[in-house]
Structure formats: structure tokens, C-alpha cells
Amino acid sequence: MTVRRTLLIAVLIYALLLAGLVSLNGAFIAVALPLVVYLAAVIFYQPSDIRLKVTRVLSKDYVRPGTEVTVTVTVTNGGPDLDEIAIEDNVPAGLALDGDASQLASLPANQTRTLSYSVSGSRGTYTFGAVTITAREHFALFRRSRPYNIASKLSVIPDCPQLQSLKIRPVRTRGFAGPIPSRQGGSGTDFFGVRAYEPGDPPQWINWRLSARHQTEVYTNVFEQERIADVGLILDARDRSNVVANGDSLFEHSIEVTAALAEAFLHDGNRVGLLVYGRGLERTFPDFGKQQRQRILRALSRAQVGDSLVFDSLDYLPTRFFPAKSQLVLISPLCAEDPPVLVRLRSREYQVLVVSPDPVQFEARGIAPSPARDLATRLAAGERQLWIRQLQRIGVPVISWDVGQSLDATIQAGLKKDAPRPWRQ
């Protein structure tokens, strides 16, 4: 009900009637009669009973950035006729709206009205609020509003560039066939050693050169088994390690790297888990397959940088979350105190790989060229190179990625550079 307008009309009617009675002038009463009829009609036609069924349907709830999603709100009237209803949907902030998220219409009994519009947005998780329905009569004096809380969530997952198969060498592998050398003899493609011939060995595996040196023994080649591994992805979401330049955030590139690595490792059949380390701990427990890919991408869509007194340092990484002797991949620009923590992880027999978006080159691009900028860039790059060499000396490969370059080419070159040399017979 619009209280002010109704009160104004009632006061006006009372004043006219009182003036007519006091002055005994029928003209005042004649002027008041239309207002009385108007107010009576409003009271008679006001919406008395609202029984509505409201639903909201998203054409997709899991999309890439910039993809349009159609939102359809359906309102069905299970009560008496409603002269006029206003349907208003609460669109989350950050989404670009194409169309109108509100509608004004009449709704007879047992009829349905549909509101449809499109939204798109950048990486993130967006929760839609309540659908507000306002019913009123044509005179717009009486109105009833009611919010309908409908749970709807849209996940805009990050873009992830395609990567080739990644050559990693964790200390321990799992007992399923895969692409990773397991340091155990068996069927495979790479030579591993020789042993005495056993019945059932394929003839093409016989090492004739070695067998020719022995009169009574025959030897067969053994190849290195290839299996899958446990891979733990650790995304550094600390605000102190992030760099923002020209409206672009280095953290978004870290998200991109993490999504690409998760896709590549899962495609090879590995068991992959994710830990987002920053304002808190968000964990996606290790698993296989397409459903795990969706879980990880949804977790990355929610990831935000933040500060925490507890998780300000990598010292508090929950290593029990990752199986012993598994492959850990840290995606981080790196801070000055991070290398000692990675050294301790390496000492616990984790195979550690660091993929580091380069914050020095990223920030330098946002500064106008000058001698001062060039000097500062060289000094910062030199300090960063010292950290990287410190880690490489103790067996922690570090892939420094200039975000202006190809991610796949950078990772493949880095893995090839740090790969162990093959043993030759």
C-alpha cells in the first residue's frame, strides 16, 4: 500500500465532508463523492490473496568468460486474478546485462508470465538474489511485495590454454598405467635394464648381444613401466605476492596457469588435487576424471587474493593434504622467504616444481620507459634470479613465465631443461 497517497486522499475526503457539514454547502460534499467512489474501488480491487509459484532457470551454470547465459524467470498464478504485477530479478554485481531484468504485466488466475534476459561476465562465482514480485491494482494505491528466494549460482571458469603432455618424475607413482616413468621394470618404451630370460618373455625383448657372451644363459631387456601419479597443485593467493598493473592482475595469470596444468595432468590420467593458499585454505581433494576437472575449475572460479595472519607464509602449507612422495606444483610469483620453505618440502621427499609468473616483467610493462625503470627492473630481476638458482641447486625446477609469452612453449622448454639425462647402455 502507498500509505502517503492513501492517507492524503482520506484526509482530503474528510476535510471536504467536514467543510460541507459545517458550512451547509452541498458543493463540498459533491466534490468529495468522486474521491469516495475512487477510494472504494481501490479497496475493492486491491490484491488480497497472492499465491504464486516462481522459478528461475539458467541455460548454463558453468561457462567460460564472456559466454552469454540466458536467465528465464517463470511466474505462475495459483490464486485470483492480479491486475498488475511487477517482476524484478536481482542480478549479481559484476555481470553484464543484456535485456531487461524486470517486467510489468497482468496475471490472470492459472496463467504464467515469463521474464527472460541474458548475462555474461568475467571469471568468478555469481549468486543470484531473490526474485521480487510486487502485486497492485491499476490505481497503484495498494501493493503487496514478496521476495522469492531461489538458489541460483553461475560459475564463470577461467580460460585455460592447451598444454602438451607434461614430463614429470615423482618419487612414487600409482599402480595404474599412465605416461610417467615409474623407476620400475616392466613393459614400457624406455630401456631400464636386463635380467635372465623367463618363459613367456617376448622374443623381440631378448638382448642378443649380451646373451652371446654367455653359453648357458639368455638375457632379456627390461623396460621402465609408465604409470600415473598423485599431483598436488598449490595456488598462491596471498595478496602480498600479487601485482596489479594497468588494471590487470598477475593473480589472474596464475589462475590461468593452474587451470591449464590441471587440465593437462587430468588428461594424462593422473590423480590431481588443488589447494588455494591465501586468505584461507580452499581444498579440492585429489581425484580423477572429468568430474574432478569441473571441481577444480569451479574452485578456481571462486579463488580470490587475500591477507591472513595465519597463512602469510608458506610455512603453514598443510602437507598432509598431499600423499607422501607425490608431485607438488606451486604456482606463485614467489616472495623472498619462500625458497627455504620449498627446500624443506624437497627434503621431505616431495618432488617439487614451481611455475612462477614473472612479476618483474609484468610490472615493468605498466611503467613508462626511463633509465630509472630499466635500472630498477635489472635489480629486481637479478634478485629474483638468485632465488630461482637457489632452488634449482637443490633440485627444485623453477619455470619463470613472462605472461606476454606462450605458456605451453615456456613450460615445455623449462621441463626439457630440467629433465634428467637418460641412461644409456
Protein backbone atom coordinates (compact mmCIF):
# COMPACT_ATOMS: atom_id res chain seq x y z
CA MET A 1 0.00 0.00 0.00
CA THR A 2 1.19 3.51 -0.83
CA VAL A 3 0.48 4.95 2.62
CA ARG A 4 1.11 8.59 1.82
CA ARG A 5 -1.20 8.73 -1.21
CA THR A 6 -3.98 6.81 0.54
CA LEU A 7 -3.70 8.95 3.66
CA LEU A 8 -3.76 12.12 1.55
CA ILE A 9 -6.97 11.05 -0.23
CA ALA A 10 -8.63 10.04 3.06
CA VAL A 11 -7.69 13.37 4.70
CA LEU A 12 -8.97 15.27 1.66
CA ILE A 13 -12.31 13.40 1.74
CA TYR A 14 -12.67 14.05 5.48
CA ALA A 15 -11.85 17.73 5.04
CA LEU A 16 -14.40 18.19 2.22
CA LEU A 17 -17.13 16.38 4.12
CA LEU A 18 -16.39 18.37 7.28
CA ALA A 19 -16.40 21.64 5.32
CA GLY A 20 -19.76 20.73 3.75
CA LEU A 21 -21.35 19.90 7.07
CA VAL A 22 -20.04 23.00 8.82
CA SER A 23 -20.95 25.41 6.03
CA LEU A 24 -24.10 23.51 4.96
CA ASN A 25 -22.79 23.82 1.42
CA GLY A 26 -23.54 20.77 -0.76
CA ALA A 27 -20.82 21.68 -3.24
CA PHE A 28 -18.13 20.39 -0.85
CA ILE A 29 -19.95 17.08 -0.47
CA ALA A 30 -20.40 16.81 -4.24
CA VAL A 31 -16.65 17.26 -4.75
CA ALA A 32 -15.90 14.60 -2.10
CA LEU A 33 -18.17 11.93 -3.66
CA PRO A 34 -15.88 11.05 -6.63
CA LEU A 35 -12.99 10.66 -4.22
CA VAL A 36 -15.08 8.35 -2.03
CA VAL A 37 -16.01 6.23 -5.06
CA TYR A 38 -12.35 6.16 -6.16
CA LEU A 39 -11.14 5.01 -2.74
CA ALA A 40 -13.89 2.37 -2.50
CA ALA A 41 -12.94 0.98 -5.92
CA VAL A 42 -9.29 0.83 -4.90
CA ILE A 43 -10.14 -1.09 -1.72
CA PHE A 44 -12.43 -3.46 -3.66
CA TYR A 45 -9.84 -4.28 -6.37
CA GLN A 46 -6.76 -4.44 -4.16
CA PRO A 47 -4.81 -7.73 -4.38
CA SER A 48 -5.99 -9.75 -1.41
CA ASP A 49 -4.54 -13.23 -1.85
CA ILE A 50 -1.23 -13.87 -3.64
CA ARG A 51 -0.38 -17.48 -4.42
CA LEU A 52 2.47 -17.56 -6.91
CA LYS A 53 4.97 -20.19 -8.00
CA VAL A 54 8.26 -18.61 -9.07
CA THR A 55 11.19 -20.43 -10.72
CA ARG A 56 14.47 -19.29 -12.22
CA VAL A 57 16.37 -21.34 -14.79
CA LEU A 58 19.88 -20.64 -16.14
CA SER A 59 20.65 -22.03 -19.59
CA LYS A 60 24.14 -22.87 -18.27
CA ASP A 61 25.68 -22.64 -14.81
CA TYR A 62 29.27 -23.42 -15.87
CA VAL A 63 30.72 -21.25 -18.66
CA ARG A 64 33.85 -19.57 -19.95
CA PRO A 65 34.37 -15.80 -19.57
CA GLY A 66 32.28 -13.72 -21.96
CA THR A 67 29.81 -16.52 -22.71
CA GLU A 68 26.18 -15.38 -22.68
CA VAL A 69 23.84 -17.18 -20.31
CA THR A 70 20.07 -16.90 -20.70
CA VAL A 71 18.15 -16.44 -17.45
CA THR A 72 14.45 -17.31 -17.50
CA VAL A 73 12.13 -16.40 -14.62
CA THR A 74 8.68 -18.02 -14.70
CA VAL A 75 5.77 -16.83 -12.53
CA THR A 76 2.58 -18.93 -12.30
CA ASN A 77 -0.53 -17.56 -10.57
CA GLY A 78 -2.31 -20.13 -8.40
CA GLY A 79 -4.67 -17.59 -6.85
CA PRO A 80 -7.20 -14.97 -8.05
CA ASP A 81 -6.62 -12.57 -10.94
CA LEU A 82 -3.93 -9.96 -10.40
CA ASP A 83 -4.49 -6.68 -12.21
CA GLU A 84 -0.84 -5.82 -12.31
CA ILE A 85 2.40 -7.43 -11.15
CA ALA A 86 5.99 -6.23 -11.35
CA ILE A 87 8.63 -8.97 -11.68
CA GLU A 88 12.14 -7.87 -10.67
CA ASP A 89 15.13 -10.19 -10.65
CA ASN A 90 18.22 -9.40 -8.61
CA VAL A 91 21.20 -9.63 -10.99
CA PRO A 92 24.56 -10.08 -9.19
CA ALA A 93 27.02 -7.20 -9.42
CA GLY A 94 29.77 -7.79 -11.97
CA LEU A 95 27.59 -9.40 -14.62
CA ALA A 96 26.89 -7.56 -17.87
CA LEU A 97 23.14 -7.46 -18.51
CA ASP A 98 21.66 -7.84 -21.99
CA GLY A 99 17.92 -7.15 -21.85
CA ASP A 100 15.64 -6.12 -19.01
CA ALA A 101 15.62 -7.92 -15.66
CA SER A 102 12.16 -6.54 -14.77
CA GLN A 103 8.71 -6.79 -16.29
CA LEU A 104 5.27 -5.23 -15.69
CA ALA A 105 2.20 -7.27 -16.72
CA SER A 106 -1.22 -8.52 -15.66
CA LEU A 107 -1.55 -12.11 -14.47
CA PRO A 108 -4.96 -13.82 -14.57
CA ALA A 109 -5.63 -16.88 -12.45
CA ASN A 110 -3.82 -20.08 -13.55
CA GLN A 111 -1.77 -18.17 -16.09
CA THR A 112 2.01 -17.86 -16.46
CA ARG A 113 4.31 -14.94 -17.25
CA THR A 114 7.94 -15.34 -18.32
CA LEU A 115 10.83 -12.90 -17.92
CA SER A 116 13.95 -13.62 -19.98
CA TYR A 117 17.30 -11.82 -20.27
CA SER A 118 20.97 -12.64 -20.83
CA VAL A 119 24.09 -12.08 -18.71
CA SER A 120 27.82 -12.53 -19.20
CA GLY A 121 30.85 -11.86 -17.04
CA SER A 122 34.48 -12.43 -16.21
CA ARG A 123 35.91 -15.21 -14.03
CA GLY A 124 34.07 -15.59 -10.74
CA THR A 125 31.16 -17.18 -8.94
CA TYR A 126 27.92 -15.20 -9.01
CA THR A 127 24.97 -15.89 -6.70
CA PHE A 128 21.58 -14.58 -7.80
CA GLY A 129 19.41 -12.94 -5.15
CA ALA A 130 15.67 -13.12 -4.61
CA VAL A 131 13.05 -12.53 -7.30
CA THR A 132 10.78 -9.75 -6.01
CA ILE A 133 7.12 -9.83 -7.05
CA THR A 134 5.01 -6.73 -6.44
CA ALA A 135 1.22 -7.03 -6.98
CA ARG A 136 -1.02 -3.95 -7.16
CA GLU A 137 -4.30 -2.75 -8.59
CA HIS A 138 -4.49 -0.38 -11.57
CA PHE A 139 -4.79 2.67 -9.32
CA ALA A 140 -1.44 1.80 -7.69
CA LEU A 141 -2.59 2.70 -4.18
CA PHE A 142 -2.41 -0.76 -2.62
CA ARG A 143 0.56 -3.03 -3.30
CA ARG A 144 1.97 -6.21 -1.84
CA SER A 145 5.61 -7.16 -2.33
CA ARG A 146 7.17 -10.51 -1.64
CA PRO A 147 10.70 -11.78 -2.26
CA TYR A 148 11.09 -15.34 -3.55
CA ASN A 149 14.49 -16.72 -2.57
CA ILE A 150 15.60 -19.04 -5.36
CA ALA A 151 19.06 -20.56 -5.14
CA SER A 152 20.87 -19.94 -8.44
CA LYS A 153 24.62 -19.82 -8.92
CA LEU A 154 26.66 -19.11 -12.04
CA SER A 155 30.31 -20.22 -12.22
CA VAL A 156 32.44 -18.44 -14.82
CA ILE A 157 35.50 -20.66 -15.01
CA PRO A 158 38.92 -19.38 -16.13
CA ASP A 159 40.29 -19.75 -19.62
CA CYS A 160 42.93 -22.45 -19.79
CA PRO A 161 45.31 -22.70 -22.75
CA GLN A 162 46.05 -26.16 -24.09
CA LEU A 163 49.30 -27.74 -22.91
CA GLN A 164 51.16 -30.72 -24.28
CA SER A 165 51.77 -33.74 -22.08
CA LEU A 166 53.94 -32.72 -19.12
CA LYS A 167 57.02 -34.81 -18.33
CA ILE A 168 57.26 -35.11 -14.54
CA ARG A 169 59.20 -37.61 -12.41
CA PRO A 170 57.63 -38.01 -8.95
CA VAL A 171 59.33 -40.29 -6.42
CA ARG A 172 56.28 -42.56 -6.16
CA THR A 173 53.65 -43.48 -8.74
CA ARG A 174 50.33 -45.33 -8.53
CA GLY A 175 49.65 -48.85 -9.80
CA PHE A 176 47.84 -47.88 -12.99
CA ALA A 177 49.20 -47.47 -16.50
CA GLY A 178 49.95 -43.89 -17.45
CA PRO A 179 52.52 -41.58 -19.05
CA ILE A 180 55.01 -41.22 -16.15
CA PRO A 181 58.15 -43.38 -15.82
CA SER A 182 57.87 -45.28 -12.54
CA ARG A 183 61.53 -46.34 -11.98
CA GLN A 184 60.38 -49.96 -12.04
CA GLY A 185 61.00 -52.62 -14.64
CA GLY A 186 58.21 -53.99 -16.79
CA SER A 187 56.52 -53.21 -20.08
CA GLY A 188 57.24 -49.78 -21.49
CA THR A 189 59.17 -47.93 -24.15
CA ASP A 190 62.36 -46.74 -22.41
CA PHE A 191 65.19 -49.17 -21.62
CA PHE A 192 65.54 -49.90 -17.90
CA GLY A 193 67.92 -52.88 -17.55
CA VAL A 194 68.38 -56.58 -18.26
CA ARG A 195 67.51 -59.81 -16.46
CA ALA A 196 67.59 -63.51 -17.09
CA TYR A 197 65.15 -64.76 -19.69
CA GLU A 198 61.92 -66.23 -18.36
CA PRO A 199 59.38 -68.33 -20.26
CA GLY A 200 56.76 -66.09 -21.79
CA ASP A 201 59.08 -63.14 -22.47
CA PRO A 202 58.56 -61.73 -25.99
CA PRO A 203 61.37 -62.85 -28.32
CA GLN A 204 61.92 -59.27 -29.50
CA TRP A 205 62.97 -58.32 -25.96
CA ILE A 206 65.93 -60.75 -25.94
CA ASN A 207 69.26 -58.97 -25.65
CA TRP A 208 71.22 -61.00 -28.21
CA ARG A 209 74.47 -59.07 -27.74
CA LEU A 210 74.63 -59.83 -24.01
CA SER A 211 73.33 -63.40 -24.42
CA ALA A 212 76.09 -64.14 -26.94
CA ARG A 213 78.68 -63.61 -24.19
CA HIS A 214 77.23 -66.45 -22.09
CA GLN A 215 76.99 -70.04 -23.21
CA THR A 216 74.16 -71.16 -20.89
CA GLU A 217 72.17 -68.00 -20.13
CA VAL A 218 69.82 -65.91 -22.21
CA TYR A 219 69.05 -62.36 -21.17
CA THR A 220 66.11 -60.14 -21.96
CA ASN A 221 65.72 -56.38 -21.89
CA VAL A 222 63.55 -54.76 -19.23
CA PHE A 223 61.75 -51.51 -19.92
CA GLU A 224 60.59 -48.89 -17.49
CA GLN A 225 56.94 -49.08 -16.57
CA GLU A 226 54.83 -45.98 -17.17
CA ARG A 227 52.17 -45.20 -14.61
CA ILE A 228 50.06 -42.36 -13.25
CA ALA A 229 50.93 -40.18 -10.27
CA ASP A 230 49.46 -38.05 -7.49
CA VAL A 231 49.80 -34.37 -8.41
CA GLY A 232 49.09 -31.57 -5.93
CA LEU A 233 48.54 -28.08 -7.35
CA ILE A 234 49.17 -25.23 -4.87
CA LEU A 235 47.91 -21.82 -5.97
CA ASP A 236 49.46 -18.87 -4.14
CA ALA A 237 46.56 -16.47 -3.43
CA ARG A 238 48.37 -14.24 -0.92
CA ASP A 239 47.78 -10.57 -1.55
CA ARG A 240 51.42 -9.79 -0.79
CA SER A 241 52.61 -11.88 -3.75
CA ASN A 242 50.16 -10.37 -6.24
CA VAL A 243 50.95 -7.47 -8.58
CA VAL A 244 48.35 -5.19 -10.19
CA ALA A 245 49.38 -3.06 -13.18
CA ASN A 246 47.22 -1.14 -15.65
CA GLY A 247 44.07 -2.75 -14.30
CA ASP A 248 45.44 -6.27 -14.87
CA SER A 249 46.20 -8.64 -12.00
CA LEU A 250 49.06 -11.13 -12.06
CA PHE A 251 46.83 -13.43 -9.99
CA GLU A 252 44.54 -13.90 -13.00
CA HIS A 253 47.51 -15.27 -14.94
CA SER A 254 48.29 -17.61 -12.03
CA ILE A 255 44.69 -18.84 -12.24
CA GLU A 256 45.17 -19.43 -15.97
CA VAL A 257 48.34 -21.48 -15.35
CA THR A 258 46.66 -23.57 -12.64
CA ALA A 259 43.67 -24.35 -14.86
CA ALA A 260 45.93 -25.35 -17.76
CA LEU A 261 48.08 -27.60 -15.55
CA ALA A 262 45.04 -29.27 -14.01
CA GLU A 263 43.63 -29.96 -17.46
CA ALA A 264 46.92 -31.42 -18.72
CA PHE A 265 47.56 -33.65 -15.69
CA LEU A 266 43.98 -34.95 -15.61
CA HIS A 267 44.06 -35.60 -19.36
CA ASP A 268 47.07 -37.88 -18.78
CA GLY A 269 45.08 -39.85 -16.20
CA ASN A 270 46.78 -38.58 -13.05
CA ARG A 271 45.07 -38.04 -9.70
CA VAL A 272 45.04 -34.27 -9.14
CA GLY A 273 44.21 -32.16 -6.08
CA LEU A 274 44.12 -28.40 -5.58
CA LEU A 275 44.97 -26.17 -2.63
CA VAL A 276 44.28 -22.43 -2.83
CA TYR A 277 46.52 -20.82 -0.21
CA GLY A 278 45.89 -17.20 0.79
CA ARG A 279 43.07 -15.65 2.79
CA GLY A 280 42.29 -19.18 3.93
CA LEU A 281 42.60 -22.73 2.66
CA GLU A 282 40.28 -23.98 -0.06
CA ARG A 283 40.85 -27.63 -0.82
CA THR A 284 39.76 -29.84 -3.67
CA PHE A 285 40.65 -33.38 -2.65
CA PRO A 286 42.63 -35.48 -5.16
CA ASP A 287 40.63 -37.45 -7.70
CA PHE A 288 40.50 -38.46 -11.36
CA GLY A 289 38.46 -37.67 -14.44
CA LYS A 290 36.10 -35.09 -15.87
CA GLN A 291 34.17 -34.51 -12.66
CA GLN A 292 37.41 -33.64 -10.87
CA ARG A 293 38.21 -31.21 -13.68
CA GLN A 294 34.88 -29.45 -13.05
CA ARG A 295 35.51 -29.36 -9.29
CA ILE A 296 38.92 -27.77 -9.77
CA LEU A 297 37.69 -25.22 -12.32
CA ARG A 298 34.77 -24.26 -10.06
CA ALA A 299 37.20 -23.82 -7.16
CA LEU A 300 39.39 -21.61 -9.37
CA SER A 301 36.36 -19.53 -10.33
CA ARG A 302 35.87 -18.75 -6.62
CA ALA A 303 39.53 -18.06 -5.88
CA GLN A 304 40.37 -14.54 -4.66
CA VAL A 305 43.52 -12.96 -3.30
CA GLY A 306 43.50 -12.05 0.37
CA ASP A 307 45.57 -11.49 3.50
CA SER A 308 45.72 -13.71 6.56
CA LEU A 309 47.95 -13.55 9.61
CA VAL A 310 47.95 -17.34 9.74
CA PHE A 311 48.71 -18.02 6.08
CA ASP A 312 51.01 -15.09 5.41
CA SER A 313 53.91 -17.52 4.89
CA LEU A 314 54.16 -20.82 3.03
CA ASP A 315 55.40 -22.32 6.31
CA TYR A 316 51.84 -23.36 7.12
CA LEU A 317 51.21 -25.43 3.98
CA PRO A 318 49.21 -28.49 5.09
CA THR A 319 51.49 -31.12 3.57
CA ARG A 320 49.34 -33.95 4.97
CA PHE A 321 46.79 -32.99 2.36
CA PHE A 322 49.15 -34.41 -0.29
CA PRO A 323 50.28 -38.07 -0.41
CA ALA A 324 53.90 -38.68 0.60
CA LYS A 325 56.49 -38.59 -2.21
CA SER A 326 53.95 -37.12 -4.65
CA GLN A 327 54.46 -34.38 -7.21
CA LEU A 328 53.76 -30.85 -5.91
CA VAL A 329 53.38 -27.95 -8.33
CA LEU A 330 53.45 -24.46 -6.79
CA ILE A 331 52.03 -21.64 -8.92
CA SER A 332 53.39 -18.46 -7.37
CA PRO A 333 55.28 -15.25 -8.26
CA LEU A 334 57.47 -16.13 -5.21
CA CYS A 335 58.44 -13.96 -2.26
CA ALA A 336 61.84 -13.55 -0.61
CA GLU A 337 61.11 -16.00 2.24
CA ASP A 338 59.56 -18.74 0.06
CA PRO A 339 62.69 -20.63 -1.12
CA PRO A 340 63.59 -22.05 2.35
CA VAL A 341 60.04 -23.46 2.65
CA LEU A 342 60.36 -25.20 -0.72
CA VAL A 343 63.73 -26.57 0.33
CA ARG A 344 62.05 -28.19 3.36
CA LEU A 345 59.34 -29.69 1.12
CA ARG A 346 62.05 -31.16 -1.08
CA SER A 347 63.78 -32.63 1.97
CA ARG A 348 60.54 -34.46 2.84
CA GLU A 349 60.85 -36.35 -0.48
CA TYR A 350 58.21 -34.37 -2.33
CA GLN A 351 59.03 -33.78 -5.97
CA VAL A 352 58.51 -30.01 -6.22
CA LEU A 353 58.00 -27.98 -9.39
CA VAL A 354 57.47 -24.20 -9.35
CA VAL A 355 55.70 -22.37 -12.18
CA SER A 356 56.24 -18.69 -11.48
CA PRO A 357 54.53 -15.86 -13.44
CA ASP A 358 57.23 -13.20 -13.62
CA PRO A 359 56.12 -10.16 -11.54
CA VAL A 360 59.13 -8.07 -12.59
CA GLN A 361 58.42 -8.07 -16.32
CA PHE A 362 54.66 -7.84 -15.66
CA GLU A 363 55.00 -4.65 -13.63
CA ALA A 364 57.69 -3.16 -15.88
CA ARG A 365 55.29 -3.21 -18.84
CA GLY A 366 52.97 -0.85 -16.98
CA ILE A 367 55.66 1.79 -16.40
CA ALA A 368 56.81 4.29 -19.00
CA PRO A 369 60.35 3.57 -20.28
CA SER A 370 63.06 5.51 -18.48
CA PRO A 371 66.60 4.91 -17.18
CA ALA A 372 65.24 4.61 -13.64
CA ARG A 373 62.74 1.95 -14.68
CA ASP A 374 65.39 -0.03 -16.56
CA LEU A 375 67.74 0.04 -13.56
CA ALA A 376 65.02 -1.00 -11.13
CA THR A 377 63.95 -3.81 -13.46
CA ARG A 378 67.50 -5.16 -13.73
CA LEU A 379 67.97 -5.09 -9.95
CA ALA A 380 64.63 -6.81 -9.25
CA ALA A 381 65.22 -9.39 -11.99
CA GLY A 382 68.70 -10.13 -10.58
CA GLU A 383 67.31 -10.71 -7.09
CA ARG A 384 64.60 -12.98 -8.48
CA GLN A 385 67.19 -14.95 -10.44
CA LEU A 386 69.13 -15.58 -7.23
CA TRP A 387 66.04 -17.15 -5.63
CA ILE A 388 65.50 -19.33 -8.69
CA ARG A 389 69.12 -20.54 -8.76
CA GLN A 390 68.97 -21.29 -5.05
CA LEU A 391 66.01 -23.59 -5.66
CA GLN A 392 67.47 -25.20 -8.76
CA ARG A 393 70.66 -26.12 -6.87
CA ILE A 394 68.71 -28.36 -4.50
CA GLY A 395 66.62 -29.99 -7.25
CA VAL A 396 63.52 -27.77 -7.40
CA PRO A 397 62.89 -26.84 -11.05
CA VAL A 398 61.53 -23.31 -11.47
CA ILE A 399 59.80 -22.26 -14.68
CA SER A 400 59.69 -18.48 -14.86
CA TRP A 401 56.88 -17.41 -17.19
CA ASP A 402 56.75 -13.99 -18.80
CA VAL A 403 52.98 -13.62 -19.19
CA GLY A 404 53.48 -12.00 -22.58
CA GLN A 405 54.96 -15.24 -23.93
CA SER A 406 53.40 -18.60 -24.81
CA LEU A 407 52.65 -20.62 -21.68
CA ASP A 408 52.98 -24.02 -23.36
CA ALA A 409 56.32 -23.18 -25.01
CA THR A 410 57.71 -21.81 -21.73
CA ILE A 411 56.66 -24.87 -19.68
CA GLN A 412 57.90 -27.40 -22.24
CA ALA A 413 61.25 -25.61 -22.53
CA GLY A 414 61.58 -25.45 -18.73
CA LEU A 415 60.75 -29.14 -18.25
CA LYS A 416 63.13 -30.17 -21.01
CA LYS A 417 65.91 -28.11 -19.47
CA ASP A 418 65.46 -29.65 -16.03
CA ALA A 419 64.74 -33.21 -17.19
CA PRO A 420 67.22 -35.87 -16.02
CA ARG A 421 69.54 -37.20 -18.68
CA PRO A 422 68.55 -40.67 -19.93
CA TRP A 423 70.80 -43.60 -19.01
CA ARG A 424 72.36 -45.34 -21.97
CA GLN A 425 73.54 -48.91 -22.17
